[in-house]
Amino acid sequence: MTRALLVLGITLAAALPAKADITHKIQSSVQLQVDGAASQASRIGSTLAVSGSNVTLDTAPVLGTLTAGSAVGYTPGAYSITTAGDAFSYSESYIEGDATPSDTSVSSGVVTSLPMLGNTTTTSGGVAGSLAGTIASDGAMTITAGGAGTTATGQVVLSLEID
C-alpha cells in the first residue's frame, strides 16, 4: 500500500504544471534641453536723504520734475555751520531712480534688447549647436554635447525578473 501511495504521489506531482514566470523589460529615454534667455529687472525709485547737527539750511536740495518715462534729476542743497567752533555733522545722499524702459520683444526665440535697471539679473539663452541623443536597439547610447545652456540626459533600464 505504501508503494501504491508513493507511485500515486509521484504521478500527481508530475501532472501538476510548473510555475516559471519570466518578465523582461527594456526602457530607454533621451532628454534634450536648451535653456531660454531670461531677464528679471526691478526699477528703483529716486531717493533724497539729508541729516545733520549744528548746520543751518541755506538752500534746500531740490528733486527735478517727475515726468512719465524719465528719471527725476537733483540739485544739492547749501548749508552753513550754525555755531562756529562747535562740532557738526552733515550728510546728504541721492539715488537717481530708473527711467521707464522701452518694451522688450522676442523674435525667433531671441530677445534683442534686455532691460537694464537698478536691479537686473540676466541669463543668456542656450545654443543648441550639435546637441543630439540616440539610443540604439542594443541599448548603445550616443549623446552629443550642445552649446552653452544645454543639457542632455540618456537612460537605459534593463530588468529581468524570474519567479
N, C-alpha and C. Protein backbone atom coordinates (compact mmCIF):
# COMPACT_ATOMS: atom_id res chain seq x y z
N MET A 1 0.82 -1.17 0.00
CA MET A 1 0.00 0.00 0.00
C MET A 1 0.88 1.26 0.00
N THR A 2 1.95 1.19 0.74
CA THR A 2 2.85 2.32 0.78
C THR A 2 3.44 2.57 -0.60
N ARG A 3 3.70 1.47 -1.27
CA ARG A 3 4.25 1.59 -2.60
C ARG A 3 3.23 2.22 -3.54
N ALA A 4 1.96 1.88 -3.38
CA ALA A 4 0.91 2.43 -4.23
C ALA A 4 0.73 3.92 -3.97
N LEU A 5 0.84 4.35 -2.72
CA LEU A 5 0.74 5.77 -2.39
C LEU A 5 1.93 6.55 -2.96
N LEU A 6 3.10 5.99 -2.91
CA LEU A 6 4.28 6.63 -3.45
C LEU A 6 4.16 6.81 -4.95
N VAL A 7 3.71 5.79 -5.64
CA VAL A 7 3.53 5.87 -7.09
C VAL A 7 2.45 6.89 -7.43
N LEU A 8 1.35 6.91 -6.65
CA LEU A 8 0.28 7.87 -6.87
C LEU A 8 0.77 9.30 -6.64
N GLY A 9 1.56 9.50 -5.60
CA GLY A 9 2.11 10.82 -5.28
C GLY A 9 3.03 11.33 -6.39
N ILE A 10 3.89 10.49 -6.89
CA ILE A 10 4.81 10.87 -7.97
C ILE A 10 4.04 11.17 -9.24
N THR A 11 3.02 10.40 -9.52
CA THR A 11 2.20 10.61 -10.71
C THR A 11 1.48 11.95 -10.65
N LEU A 12 0.90 12.27 -9.49
CA LEU A 12 0.20 13.54 -9.34
C LEU A 12 1.16 14.73 -9.41
N ALA A 13 2.32 14.59 -8.81
CA ALA A 13 3.31 15.67 -8.84
C ALA A 13 3.78 15.94 -10.25
N ALA A 14 3.94 14.88 -11.04
CA ALA A 14 4.38 15.04 -12.42
C ALA A 14 3.30 15.69 -13.27
N ALA A 15 2.05 15.53 -12.88
CA ALA A 15 0.94 16.07 -13.67
C ALA A 15 0.70 17.55 -13.38
N LEU A 16 1.19 18.09 -12.24
CA LEU A 16 0.98 19.49 -11.90
C LEU A 16 1.86 20.38 -12.78
N PRO A 17 1.32 21.50 -13.24
CA PRO A 17 2.13 22.39 -14.08
C PRO A 17 3.19 23.10 -13.24
N ALA A 18 4.33 23.36 -13.84
CA ALA A 18 5.42 24.08 -13.18
C ALA A 18 5.20 25.58 -13.37
N LYS A 19 5.52 26.37 -12.31
CA LYS A 19 5.38 27.82 -12.40
C LYS A 19 6.77 28.40 -12.64
N ALA A 20 6.96 29.05 -13.79
CA ALA A 20 8.25 29.66 -14.12
C ALA A 20 7.97 30.90 -14.96
N ASP A 21 7.55 32.01 -14.28
CA ASP A 21 7.27 33.26 -14.99
C ASP A 21 8.57 34.03 -15.21
N ILE A 22 8.75 34.52 -16.43
CA ILE A 22 9.92 35.33 -16.78
C ILE A 22 9.41 36.63 -17.37
N THR A 23 9.86 37.73 -16.79
CA THR A 23 9.49 39.05 -17.29
C THR A 23 10.76 39.80 -17.65
N HIS A 24 10.82 40.32 -18.86
CA HIS A 24 11.99 41.07 -19.34
C HIS A 24 11.51 42.43 -19.83
N LYS A 25 12.09 43.52 -19.30
CA LYS A 25 11.69 44.86 -19.69
C LYS A 25 12.91 45.67 -20.11
N ILE A 26 12.72 46.44 -21.16
CA ILE A 26 13.75 47.39 -21.60
C ILE A 26 13.07 48.75 -21.73
N GLN A 27 13.58 49.74 -21.00
CA GLN A 27 13.07 51.10 -21.07
C GLN A 27 14.24 52.02 -21.39
N SER A 28 14.06 52.87 -22.38
CA SER A 28 15.13 53.81 -22.73
C SER A 28 14.53 55.19 -22.98
N SER A 29 15.32 56.22 -22.66
CA SER A 29 14.86 57.58 -22.90
C SER A 29 16.04 58.51 -23.08
N VAL A 30 15.82 59.54 -23.88
CA VAL A 30 16.80 60.62 -24.06
C VAL A 30 16.05 61.92 -23.88
N GLN A 31 16.60 62.81 -23.05
CA GLN A 31 16.00 64.12 -22.83
C GLN A 31 17.02 65.18 -23.23
N LEU A 32 16.60 66.08 -24.14
CA LEU A 32 17.46 67.17 -24.60
C LEU A 32 16.80 68.48 -24.20
N GLN A 33 17.58 69.41 -23.65
CA GLN A 33 17.02 70.68 -23.18
C GLN A 33 17.93 71.83 -23.56
N VAL A 34 17.31 72.89 -24.07
CA VAL A 34 18.02 74.13 -24.37
C VAL A 34 17.37 75.23 -23.55
N ASP A 35 18.15 75.87 -22.68
CA ASP A 35 17.61 76.93 -21.81
C ASP A 35 17.31 78.18 -22.62
N GLY A 36 16.22 78.85 -22.27
CA GLY A 36 15.84 80.10 -22.92
C GLY A 36 16.48 81.28 -22.21
N ALA A 37 16.54 82.40 -22.90
CA ALA A 37 17.07 83.63 -22.30
C ALA A 37 16.06 84.15 -21.29
N ALA A 38 16.57 84.79 -20.23
CA ALA A 38 15.68 85.33 -19.21
C ALA A 38 16.27 86.60 -18.63
N SER A 39 15.40 87.49 -18.24
CA SER A 39 15.83 88.71 -17.57
C SER A 39 14.81 89.09 -16.52
N GLN A 40 15.29 89.41 -15.35
CA GLN A 40 14.41 89.87 -14.27
C GLN A 40 14.94 91.22 -13.84
N ALA A 41 14.11 92.25 -13.95
CA ALA A 41 14.56 93.60 -13.63
C ALA A 41 13.55 94.29 -12.73
N SER A 42 14.06 95.03 -11.76
CA SER A 42 13.21 95.81 -10.85
C SER A 42 13.66 97.26 -10.89
N ARG A 43 12.70 98.14 -11.13
CA ARG A 43 13.01 99.57 -11.13
C ARG A 43 13.25 100.04 -9.72
N ILE A 44 14.15 100.98 -9.57
CA ILE A 44 14.35 101.61 -8.27
C ILE A 44 13.92 103.06 -8.38
N GLY A 45 13.37 103.59 -7.32
CA GLY A 45 12.90 104.96 -7.30
C GLY A 45 13.99 105.92 -6.85
N SER A 46 13.80 107.21 -7.13
CA SER A 46 14.73 108.24 -6.68
C SER A 46 14.53 108.49 -5.20
N THR A 47 15.63 108.66 -4.46
CA THR A 47 15.54 108.98 -3.04
C THR A 47 16.52 110.09 -2.69
N LEU A 48 16.12 110.92 -1.74
CA LEU A 48 16.96 112.01 -1.25
C LEU A 48 16.89 111.97 0.27
N ALA A 49 18.04 111.98 0.92
CA ALA A 49 18.08 111.97 2.38
C ALA A 49 19.09 113.01 2.85
N VAL A 50 18.71 113.82 3.83
CA VAL A 50 19.58 114.84 4.41
C VAL A 50 19.51 114.71 5.92
N SER A 51 20.67 114.73 6.57
CA SER A 51 20.68 114.73 8.03
C SER A 51 21.91 115.51 8.50
N GLY A 52 21.84 116.01 9.71
CA GLY A 52 22.99 116.73 10.26
C GLY A 52 22.67 117.35 11.59
N SER A 53 23.72 117.84 12.25
CA SER A 53 23.56 118.58 13.51
C SER A 53 24.51 119.77 13.47
N ASN A 54 24.08 120.88 14.06
CA ASN A 54 24.81 122.14 14.08
C ASN A 54 25.04 122.66 12.65
N VAL A 55 24.06 122.46 11.78
CA VAL A 55 24.11 123.04 10.43
C VAL A 55 22.80 123.77 10.17
N THR A 56 22.89 124.80 9.37
CA THR A 56 21.71 125.58 9.01
C THR A 56 21.51 125.46 7.50
N LEU A 57 20.28 125.24 7.12
CA LEU A 57 19.94 125.12 5.71
C LEU A 57 19.90 126.49 5.07
N ASP A 58 20.74 126.71 4.06
CA ASP A 58 20.72 127.97 3.32
C ASP A 58 19.84 127.84 2.08
N THR A 59 20.07 126.76 1.30
CA THR A 59 19.27 126.49 0.10
C THR A 59 18.89 125.02 0.13
N ALA A 60 17.62 124.72 0.06
CA ALA A 60 17.15 123.33 0.15
C ALA A 60 17.53 122.53 -1.10
N PRO A 61 17.85 121.23 -0.91
CA PRO A 61 18.08 120.38 -2.08
C PRO A 61 16.78 120.23 -2.85
N VAL A 62 16.89 120.06 -4.15
CA VAL A 62 15.70 120.02 -4.99
C VAL A 62 15.74 118.79 -5.90
N LEU A 63 14.63 118.05 -5.89
CA LEU A 63 14.45 116.98 -6.88
C LEU A 63 13.85 117.61 -8.12
N GLY A 64 14.26 117.12 -9.28
CA GLY A 64 13.72 117.64 -10.52
C GLY A 64 12.26 117.26 -10.70
N THR A 65 11.67 117.72 -11.77
CA THR A 65 10.27 117.44 -12.07
C THR A 65 10.13 116.02 -12.57
N LEU A 66 9.19 115.31 -11.98
CA LEU A 66 8.93 113.94 -12.39
C LEU A 66 8.04 113.94 -13.62
N THR A 67 8.54 113.34 -14.69
CA THR A 67 7.73 113.19 -15.90
C THR A 67 7.70 111.71 -16.27
N ALA A 68 6.62 111.30 -16.85
CA ALA A 68 6.48 109.89 -17.22
C ALA A 68 7.61 109.47 -18.16
N GLY A 69 8.26 108.37 -17.81
CA GLY A 69 9.29 107.81 -18.68
C GLY A 69 10.68 108.37 -18.48
N SER A 70 10.88 109.29 -17.54
CA SER A 70 12.23 109.81 -17.33
C SER A 70 12.56 109.80 -15.84
N ALA A 71 13.87 109.85 -15.56
CA ALA A 71 14.32 109.91 -14.17
C ALA A 71 14.13 111.33 -13.65
N VAL A 72 14.30 111.52 -12.34
CA VAL A 72 13.93 112.77 -11.70
C VAL A 72 14.96 113.89 -11.86
N GLY A 73 16.21 113.67 -11.55
CA GLY A 73 17.22 114.74 -11.53
C GLY A 73 17.29 115.36 -10.14
N TYR A 74 18.40 116.11 -9.84
CA TYR A 74 18.64 116.55 -8.47
C TYR A 74 19.57 117.75 -8.45
N THR A 75 19.28 118.68 -7.55
CA THR A 75 20.18 119.82 -7.28
C THR A 75 20.49 119.79 -5.78
N PRO A 76 21.78 119.70 -5.39
CA PRO A 76 22.12 119.60 -3.97
C PRO A 76 21.79 120.87 -3.21
N GLY A 77 21.65 120.73 -1.89
CA GLY A 77 21.37 121.87 -1.03
C GLY A 77 22.65 122.59 -0.61
N ALA A 78 22.49 123.77 0.00
CA ALA A 78 23.63 124.53 0.54
C ALA A 78 23.40 124.71 2.03
N TYR A 79 24.45 124.54 2.84
CA TYR A 79 24.33 124.58 4.29
C TYR A 79 25.49 125.39 4.88
N SER A 80 25.28 125.90 6.09
CA SER A 80 26.35 126.59 6.81
C SER A 80 26.33 126.11 8.26
N ILE A 81 27.47 126.31 8.96
CA ILE A 81 27.57 125.88 10.35
C ILE A 81 26.81 126.89 11.22
N THR A 82 26.00 126.37 12.13
CA THR A 82 25.17 127.23 13.00
C THR A 82 26.02 127.92 14.06
N THR A 83 26.80 127.17 14.84
CA THR A 83 27.63 127.73 15.90
C THR A 83 29.08 127.43 15.57
N ALA A 84 29.82 128.45 15.17
CA ALA A 84 31.22 128.28 14.80
C ALA A 84 32.01 127.72 15.97
N GLY A 85 32.90 126.79 15.68
CA GLY A 85 33.75 126.20 16.71
C GLY A 85 33.16 124.96 17.34
N ASP A 86 31.86 124.75 17.25
CA ASP A 86 31.25 123.54 17.80
C ASP A 86 31.31 122.41 16.76
N ALA A 87 31.21 121.20 17.27
CA ALA A 87 31.20 120.05 16.37
C ALA A 87 29.95 120.09 15.48
N PHE A 88 30.09 119.55 14.31
CA PHE A 88 28.94 119.48 13.41
C PHE A 88 29.01 118.19 12.60
N SER A 89 27.88 117.79 12.09
CA SER A 89 27.84 116.65 11.17
C SER A 89 26.85 116.98 10.07
N TYR A 90 27.10 116.38 8.90
CA TYR A 90 26.24 116.67 7.75
C TYR A 90 26.32 115.49 6.79
N SER A 91 25.18 115.11 6.28
CA SER A 91 25.13 114.04 5.29
C SER A 91 23.98 114.31 4.34
N GLU A 92 24.27 114.21 3.07
CA GLU A 92 23.23 114.35 2.05
C GLU A 92 23.48 113.26 1.01
N SER A 93 22.47 112.46 0.73
CA SER A 93 22.65 111.40 -0.27
C SER A 93 21.47 111.41 -1.24
N TYR A 94 21.78 111.01 -2.46
CA TYR A 94 20.76 110.99 -3.51
C TYR A 94 20.99 109.75 -4.37
N ILE A 95 19.92 109.03 -4.64
CA ILE A 95 19.97 107.90 -5.57
C ILE A 95 19.04 108.22 -6.73
N GLU A 96 19.58 108.22 -7.92
CA GLU A 96 18.79 108.50 -9.13
C GLU A 96 18.01 107.25 -9.49
N GLY A 97 16.71 107.37 -9.59
CA GLY A 97 15.85 106.24 -9.96
C GLY A 97 15.93 105.93 -11.44
N ASP A 98 15.31 104.83 -11.79
CA ASP A 98 15.30 104.39 -13.18
C ASP A 98 14.22 105.09 -13.99
N ALA A 99 14.58 105.44 -15.21
CA ALA A 99 13.57 105.93 -16.15
C ALA A 99 12.76 104.72 -16.62
N THR A 100 11.57 104.94 -17.14
CA THR A 100 10.76 103.84 -17.65
C THR A 100 11.43 103.29 -18.91
N PRO A 101 11.77 101.98 -18.90
CA PRO A 101 12.44 101.41 -20.07
C PRO A 101 11.45 101.16 -21.20
N SER A 102 11.98 100.99 -22.39
CA SER A 102 11.13 100.62 -23.51
C SER A 102 10.77 99.14 -23.38
N ASP A 103 9.70 98.73 -24.05
CA ASP A 103 9.28 97.33 -24.01
C ASP A 103 10.31 96.45 -24.69
N THR A 104 10.38 95.20 -24.26
CA THR A 104 11.23 94.23 -24.93
C THR A 104 10.35 93.34 -25.79
N SER A 105 10.93 92.78 -26.82
CA SER A 105 10.18 91.86 -27.67
C SER A 105 11.04 90.66 -28.00
N VAL A 106 10.38 89.56 -28.32
CA VAL A 106 11.06 88.33 -28.66
C VAL A 106 10.84 88.06 -30.14
N SER A 107 11.93 87.80 -30.85
CA SER A 107 11.85 87.49 -32.28
C SER A 107 12.68 86.24 -32.54
N SER A 108 12.07 85.21 -33.06
CA SER A 108 12.73 83.92 -33.33
C SER A 108 13.38 83.35 -32.07
N GLY A 109 12.72 83.50 -30.93
CA GLY A 109 13.22 82.96 -29.68
C GLY A 109 14.31 83.78 -29.03
N VAL A 110 14.61 84.96 -29.56
CA VAL A 110 15.70 85.79 -29.04
C VAL A 110 15.16 87.15 -28.64
N VAL A 111 15.55 87.61 -27.45
CA VAL A 111 15.22 88.96 -27.01
C VAL A 111 16.35 89.86 -27.49
N THR A 112 16.04 90.79 -28.37
CA THR A 112 17.09 91.60 -28.98
C THR A 112 17.68 92.62 -28.03
N SER A 113 16.91 93.12 -27.07
CA SER A 113 17.41 94.12 -26.14
C SER A 113 16.74 93.90 -24.78
N LEU A 114 17.55 93.51 -23.79
CA LEU A 114 17.01 93.25 -22.46
C LEU A 114 17.04 94.53 -21.63
N PRO A 115 16.09 94.72 -20.71
CA PRO A 115 16.08 95.93 -19.89
C PRO A 115 17.26 95.96 -18.93
N MET A 116 17.77 97.15 -18.66
CA MET A 116 18.87 97.34 -17.71
C MET A 116 18.40 98.36 -16.69
N LEU A 117 18.03 97.89 -15.51
CA LEU A 117 17.52 98.78 -14.47
C LEU A 117 18.40 98.71 -13.24
N GLY A 118 17.97 99.38 -12.17
CA GLY A 118 18.76 99.44 -10.94
C GLY A 118 19.08 98.09 -10.35
N ASN A 119 18.22 97.11 -10.54
CA ASN A 119 18.44 95.77 -10.02
C ASN A 119 18.06 94.79 -11.13
N THR A 120 19.06 94.24 -11.83
CA THR A 120 18.80 93.40 -13.00
C THR A 120 19.60 92.10 -12.94
N THR A 121 18.95 90.98 -13.24
CA THR A 121 19.62 89.69 -13.40
C THR A 121 19.28 89.20 -14.80
N THR A 122 20.30 88.91 -15.60
CA THR A 122 20.09 88.47 -16.98
C THR A 122 20.79 87.13 -17.19
N THR A 123 20.11 86.20 -17.84
CA THR A 123 20.67 84.90 -18.16
C THR A 123 20.65 84.73 -19.66
N SER A 124 21.79 84.38 -20.22
CA SER A 124 21.88 84.18 -21.66
C SER A 124 21.15 82.91 -22.06
N GLY A 125 20.58 82.90 -23.23
CA GLY A 125 19.87 81.72 -23.73
C GLY A 125 20.84 80.65 -24.18
N GLY A 126 20.36 79.42 -24.22
CA GLY A 126 21.19 78.31 -24.66
C GLY A 126 21.31 78.28 -26.18
N VAL A 127 22.35 77.60 -26.65
CA VAL A 127 22.58 77.44 -28.08
C VAL A 127 22.63 75.94 -28.36
N ALA A 128 21.65 75.45 -29.12
CA ALA A 128 21.56 74.01 -29.36
C ALA A 128 22.82 73.46 -30.00
N GLY A 129 23.40 74.17 -30.95
CA GLY A 129 24.61 73.68 -31.60
C GLY A 129 24.39 72.28 -32.15
N SER A 130 25.25 71.34 -31.75
CA SER A 130 25.15 69.97 -32.25
C SER A 130 24.49 69.04 -31.22
N LEU A 131 23.67 69.60 -30.32
CA LEU A 131 23.00 68.81 -29.28
C LEU A 131 22.18 67.69 -29.92
N ALA A 132 22.44 66.44 -29.49
CA ALA A 132 21.72 65.29 -30.04
C ALA A 132 21.84 64.11 -29.08
N GLY A 133 20.93 63.17 -29.22
CA GLY A 133 20.99 61.96 -28.41
C GLY A 133 20.22 60.84 -29.07
N THR A 134 20.81 59.65 -29.09
CA THR A 134 20.14 58.48 -29.66
C THR A 134 20.43 57.26 -28.79
N ILE A 135 19.50 56.29 -28.83
CA ILE A 135 19.71 55.01 -28.17
C ILE A 135 19.37 53.93 -29.19
N ALA A 136 20.35 53.09 -29.48
CA ALA A 136 20.16 52.01 -30.46
C ALA A 136 19.37 50.87 -29.83
N SER A 137 18.89 49.95 -30.66
CA SER A 137 18.08 48.83 -30.18
C SER A 137 18.86 47.91 -29.25
N ASP A 138 20.20 47.91 -29.33
CA ASP A 138 21.01 47.09 -28.43
C ASP A 138 21.33 47.82 -27.12
N GLY A 139 20.77 49.06 -26.94
CA GLY A 139 20.97 49.82 -25.71
C GLY A 139 22.16 50.75 -25.77
N ALA A 140 22.90 50.74 -26.88
CA ALA A 140 24.06 51.63 -27.00
C ALA A 140 23.56 53.07 -27.10
N MET A 141 24.14 53.94 -26.28
CA MET A 141 23.69 55.32 -26.18
C MET A 141 24.74 56.25 -26.78
N THR A 142 24.27 57.26 -27.54
CA THR A 142 25.15 58.27 -28.09
C THR A 142 24.58 59.64 -27.72
N ILE A 143 25.34 60.42 -26.95
CA ILE A 143 24.94 61.76 -26.55
C ILE A 143 25.98 62.72 -27.10
N THR A 144 25.52 63.75 -27.83
CA THR A 144 26.42 64.76 -28.38
C THR A 144 26.16 66.09 -27.68
N ALA A 145 27.21 66.66 -27.08
CA ALA A 145 27.06 67.92 -26.34
C ALA A 145 26.67 69.05 -27.28
N GLY A 146 25.85 69.95 -26.75
CA GLY A 146 25.46 71.14 -27.50
C GLY A 146 26.28 72.33 -27.03
N GLY A 147 25.78 73.52 -27.29
CA GLY A 147 26.46 74.73 -26.87
C GLY A 147 26.10 75.09 -25.44
N ALA A 148 26.41 76.34 -25.07
CA ALA A 148 26.14 76.82 -23.71
C ALA A 148 24.65 76.76 -23.40
N GLY A 149 24.31 76.44 -22.15
CA GLY A 149 22.92 76.42 -21.72
C GLY A 149 22.15 75.22 -22.20
N THR A 150 22.83 74.11 -22.49
CA THR A 150 22.13 72.90 -22.95
C THR A 150 22.38 71.76 -21.96
N THR A 151 21.44 70.81 -21.94
CA THR A 151 21.55 69.63 -21.10
C THR A 151 21.08 68.42 -21.90
N ALA A 152 21.84 67.32 -21.82
CA ALA A 152 21.44 66.07 -22.46
C ALA A 152 21.52 64.96 -21.42
N THR A 153 20.44 64.18 -21.30
CA THR A 153 20.40 63.08 -20.35
C THR A 153 19.88 61.85 -21.07
N GLY A 154 20.61 60.74 -20.97
CA GLY A 154 20.19 59.48 -21.56
C GLY A 154 20.10 58.41 -20.49
N GLN A 155 19.16 57.48 -20.67
CA GLN A 155 19.00 56.42 -19.67
C GLN A 155 18.49 55.17 -20.35
N VAL A 156 19.07 54.02 -19.98
CA VAL A 156 18.59 52.71 -20.41
C VAL A 156 18.44 51.86 -19.16
N VAL A 157 17.25 51.28 -18.97
CA VAL A 157 16.99 50.42 -17.82
C VAL A 157 16.61 49.04 -18.34
N LEU A 158 17.37 48.05 -17.97
CA LEU A 158 17.08 46.66 -18.32
C LEU A 158 16.71 45.92 -17.05
N SER A 159 15.63 45.15 -17.08
CA SER A 159 15.26 44.37 -15.91
C SER A 159 14.84 42.97 -16.35
N LEU A 160 15.23 42.01 -15.56
CA LEU A 160 14.87 40.61 -15.80
C LEU A 160 14.38 40.05 -14.49
N GLU A 161 13.12 39.56 -14.49
CA GLU A 161 12.52 39.03 -13.28
C GLU A 161 12.09 37.59 -13.53
N ILE A 162 12.54 36.72 -12.67
CA ILE A 162 12.18 35.31 -12.78
C ILE A 162 11.50 34.89 -11.48
N ASP A 163 10.27 34.40 -11.60
CA ASP A 163 9.52 33.92 -10.41
C ASP A 163 9.55 32.43 -10.38
